[in-house]
Amino acid sequence: MTLTAEVRPTAFKARPFKVVFRRQDEVVAEWPVASRKAAEERIAETLGAVACAKAPKSTACHVG
């Protein structure tokens, strides 16, 4: 299954955006963030970690 992510606005002034991760129609995680840039960084980190978790143990993700 494919994991998708999107940046959504919120009603909170301190954290005006949130990152929403979905697997089909199911929300699997949400994180409030302070900016669109922070949201994009969270998405990149999370999707990178998921990709590394699925990669074979001999790949660069698992070295060092």
C-alpha atoms as a PDB file:
ATOM      1  CA  MET A   1       0.000   0.000   0.000  1.00  0.00           C
ATOM      2  CA  THR A   2       1.081   3.516  -0.707  1.00  0.00           C
ATOM      3  CA  LEU A   3       1.687   6.028   2.054  1.00  0.00           C
ATOM      4  CA  THR A   4       0.827   9.601   1.110  1.00  0.00           C
ATOM      5  CA  ALA A   5       1.388  12.880   2.920  1.00  0.00           C
ATOM      6  CA  GLU A   6      -0.137  16.315   2.667  1.00  0.00           C
ATOM      7  CA  VAL A   7       0.141  19.679   4.392  1.00  0.00           C
ATOM      8  CA  ARG A   8      -3.152  21.010   5.739  1.00  0.00           C
ATOM      9  CA  PRO A   9      -4.023  24.281   7.472  1.00  0.00           C
ATOM     10  CA  THR A  10      -5.197  24.281  11.093  1.00  0.00           C
ATOM     11  CA  ALA A  11      -7.043  26.797  13.260  1.00  0.00           C
ATOM     12  CA  PHE A  12      -4.168  27.093  15.742  1.00  0.00           C
ATOM     13  CA  LYS A  13      -1.976  30.189  15.565  1.00  0.00           C
ATOM     14  CA  ALA A  14       1.120  28.573  17.126  1.00  0.00           C
ATOM     15  CA  ARG A  15       0.985  25.608  14.742  1.00  0.00           C
ATOM     16  CA  PRO A  16      -0.904  26.836  11.669  1.00  0.00           C
ATOM     17  CA  PHE A  17      -0.242  23.668   9.616  1.00  0.00           C
ATOM     18  CA  LYS A  18      -0.280  19.935  10.083  1.00  0.00           C
ATOM     19  CA  VAL A  19       1.183  17.032   8.178  1.00  0.00           C
ATOM     20  CA  VAL A  20      -1.299  14.245   7.510  1.00  0.00           C
ATOM     21  CA  PHE A  21      -0.055  10.791   6.499  1.00  0.00           C
ATOM     22  CA  ARG A  22      -2.590   8.456   4.917  1.00  0.00           C
ATOM     23  CA  ARG A  23      -2.706   4.890   3.713  1.00  0.00           C
ATOM     24  CA  GLN A  24      -5.616   4.915   1.253  1.00  0.00           C
ATOM     25  CA  ASP A  25      -8.488   6.562   3.166  1.00  0.00           C
ATOM     26  CA  GLU A  26      -7.052   5.863   6.634  1.00  0.00           C
ATOM     27  CA  VAL A  27      -5.166   8.591   8.507  1.00  0.00           C
ATOM     28  CA  VAL A  28      -2.166   6.872  10.092  1.00  0.00           C
ATOM     29  CA  ALA A  29      -0.455   9.934  11.616  1.00  0.00           C
ATOM     30  CA  GLU A  30      -0.808  13.690  12.031  1.00  0.00           C
ATOM     31  CA  TRP A  31       1.775  16.195  13.281  1.00  0.00           C
ATOM     32  CA  PRO A  32       1.182  19.897  13.926  1.00  0.00           C
ATOM     33  CA  VAL A  33       3.967  22.090  12.565  1.00  0.00           C
ATOM     34  CA  ALA A  34       4.868  25.775  12.684  1.00  0.00           C
ATOM     35  CA  SER A  35       5.455  26.318   8.946  1.00  0.00           C
ATOM     36  CA  ARG A  36       5.126  24.809   5.496  1.00  0.00           C
ATOM     37  CA  LYS A  37       8.903  24.336   5.456  1.00  0.00           C
ATOM     38  CA  ALA A  38       8.729  22.351   8.720  1.00  0.00           C
ATOM     39  CA  ALA A  39       5.922  20.279   7.201  1.00  0.00           C
ATOM     40  CA  GLU A  40       7.952  19.500   4.093  1.00  0.00           C
ATOM     41  CA  GLU A  41      10.961  18.528   6.243  1.00  0.00           C
ATOM     42  CA  ARG A  42       8.775  16.217   8.371  1.00  0.00           C
ATOM     43  CA  ILE A  43       7.404  14.568   5.237  1.00  0.00           C
ATOM     44  CA  ALA A  44      10.886  14.046   3.761  1.00  0.00           C
ATOM     45  CA  GLU A  45      12.260  12.611   7.022  1.00  0.00           C
ATOM     46  CA  THR A  46       9.338  10.274   7.569  1.00  0.00           C
ATOM     47  CA  LEU A  47       9.093   8.959   4.020  1.00  0.00           C
ATOM     48  CA  GLY A  48      12.894   8.528   3.959  1.00  0.00           C
ATOM     49  CA  ALA A  49      12.751   6.510   7.170  1.00  0.00           C
ATOM     50  CA  VAL A  50       9.968   4.326   5.765  1.00  0.00           C
ATOM     51  CA  ALA A  51      11.981   3.711   2.589  1.00  0.00           C
ATOM     52  CA  CYS A  52      15.054   2.764   4.625  1.00  0.00           C
ATOM     53  CA  ALA A  53      13.026   0.442   6.829  1.00  0.00           C
ATOM     54  CA  LYS A  54      11.892  -1.429   3.721  1.00  0.00           C
ATOM     55  CA  ALA A  55      15.364  -1.512   2.126  1.00  0.00           C
ATOM     56  CA  PRO A  56      17.612  -4.563   2.316  1.00  0.00           C
ATOM     57  CA  LYS A  57      20.039  -4.570   5.245  1.00  0.00           C
ATOM     58  CA  SER A  58      23.067  -4.238   2.926  1.00  0.00           C
ATOM     59  CA  THR A  59      22.024  -0.800   1.606  1.00  0.00           C
ATOM     60  CA  ALA A  60      23.395   2.590   2.607  1.00  0.00           C
ATOM     61  CA  CYS A  61      20.415   3.180   4.920  1.00  0.00           C
ATOM     62  CA  HIS A  62      21.724   0.549   7.308  1.00  0.00           C
ATOM     63  CA  VAL A  63      25.459   1.273   7.163  1.00  0.00           C
ATOM     64  CA  GLY A  64      27.195   2.969  10.061  1.00  0.00           C
END
